């Protein structure tokens, strides 16, 4: 299994940001068997990083590795959507 490198862009300490962090960490712990690293980037504190990645909405999760690069927008509460974005399930498994 490849190591997942994930970046979660949030805005401050809002309820939505905290929910996205908690949901993402839960999914990673349940599905990725410690084969992941998560970097949490607050766009208020590091606007240059958000600009580089062209982050327009938060929370936004970027899966850098393994390829292909994927973006998932939202509070990560839709587990199937996150798993699909991480390529852990196929679209056919959702329907």
Protein backbone atom coordinates (compact mmCIF):
# COMPACT_ATOMS: atom_id res chain seq x y z
CA UNK A 1 0.00 0.00 0.00
CA UNK A 2 1.30 3.44 -0.93
CA UNK A 3 1.67 6.16 1.66
CA UNK A 4 -0.97 8.86 1.37
CA UNK A 5 0.20 12.47 1.60
CA UNK A 6 -2.74 14.72 2.39
CA UNK A 7 -3.10 18.46 2.92
CA UNK A 8 -6.23 19.84 4.55
CA UNK A 9 -6.84 23.56 4.08
CA UNK A 10 -9.06 25.11 6.73
CA UNK A 11 -10.09 28.60 7.84
CA UNK A 12 -9.38 29.29 11.49
CA UNK A 13 -10.82 27.34 14.40
CA UNK A 14 -14.39 27.26 13.08
CA UNK A 15 -16.85 24.45 13.74
CA UNK A 16 -16.61 23.43 10.07
CA UNK A 17 -12.81 23.33 10.24
CA UNK A 18 -12.81 21.24 13.42
CA UNK A 19 -15.41 18.86 11.94
CA UNK A 20 -13.30 18.43 8.78
CA UNK A 21 -10.18 17.65 10.83
CA UNK A 22 -12.00 15.14 13.04
CA UNK A 23 -13.72 13.42 10.11
CA UNK A 24 -10.53 13.21 8.05
CA UNK A 25 -8.46 11.80 10.91
CA UNK A 26 -11.18 9.23 11.69
CA UNK A 27 -11.33 8.09 8.06
CA UNK A 28 -7.53 7.88 7.83
CA UNK A 29 -7.28 5.86 11.04
CA UNK A 30 -10.02 3.47 9.92
CA UNK A 31 -9.01 3.05 6.28
CA UNK A 32 -5.32 3.82 5.77
CA UNK A 33 -3.64 1.72 8.47
CA UNK A 34 -1.08 4.38 9.46
CA UNK A 35 0.06 4.74 5.84
CA UNK A 36 -0.66 8.44 5.71
CA UNK A 37 0.51 11.89 6.69
CA UNK A 38 -1.86 14.82 7.10
CA UNK A 39 -0.76 18.43 7.05
CA UNK A 40 -3.35 20.92 8.27
CA UNK A 41 -2.96 24.38 6.80
CA UNK A 42 -4.92 27.35 8.13
CA UNK A 43 -5.38 29.75 5.22
CA UNK A 44 -5.62 32.67 7.66
CA UNK A 45 -2.13 31.93 8.93
CA UNK A 46 -0.57 30.82 5.63
CA UNK A 47 -2.42 32.60 2.81
CA UNK A 48 0.55 32.18 0.46
CA UNK A 49 0.20 28.37 0.54
CA UNK A 50 -3.52 28.64 -0.16
CA UNK A 51 -2.82 30.96 -3.07
CA UNK A 52 -0.18 28.59 -4.51
CA UNK A 53 -2.69 25.72 -4.45
CA UNK A 54 -5.50 27.99 -5.70
CA UNK A 55 -7.70 27.21 -2.70
CA UNK A 56 -10.98 29.07 -3.15
CA UNK A 57 -13.14 27.23 -0.60
CA UNK A 58 -12.37 25.67 2.75
CA UNK A 59 -12.21 23.04 3.98
CA UNK A 60 -10.41 21.55 0.98
CA UNK A 61 -8.45 18.31 1.10
CA UNK A 62 -5.70 17.71 -1.45
CA UNK A 63 -4.42 14.18 -1.96
CA UNK A 64 -0.90 14.66 -3.30
CA UNK A 65 0.22 11.04 -3.23
CA UNK A 66 -0.42 8.48 -4.52
CA UNK A 67 -1.30 9.93 -7.93
CA UNK A 68 -3.52 11.21 -9.35
CA UNK A 69 -3.85 14.46 -7.42
CA UNK A 70 -7.38 14.82 -6.05
CA UNK A 71 -9.31 17.61 -4.33
CA UNK A 72 -12.19 17.05 -1.95
CA UNK A 73 -14.21 20.02 -0.76
CA UNK A 74 -16.35 20.03 2.37
CA UNK A 75 -16.24 18.94 6.00
CA UNK A 76 -15.36 15.32 5.12
CA UNK A 77 -18.61 14.09 6.69
CA UNK A 78 -19.53 12.15 3.55
CA UNK A 79 -17.24 9.18 4.11
CA UNK A 80 -17.99 7.59 0.73
CA UNK A 81 -17.10 10.82 -1.08
CA UNK A 82 -13.79 11.00 0.79
CA UNK A 83 -13.01 7.33 0.12
CA UNK A 84 -13.80 7.86 -3.56
CA UNK A 85 -11.52 10.92 -3.64
CA UNK A 86 -8.74 8.91 -2.01
CA UNK A 87 -9.27 6.14 -4.60
CA UNK A 88 -10.10 3.64 -1.87
CA UNK A 89 -13.43 2.73 -3.46
CA UNK A 90 -14.72 2.92 -7.02
CA UNK A 91 -17.69 4.95 -8.18
CA UNK A 92 -19.58 1.68 -8.84
CA UNK A 93 -19.36 0.78 -5.13
CA UNK A 94 -21.35 3.90 -4.20
CA UNK A 95 -24.40 3.20 -6.39
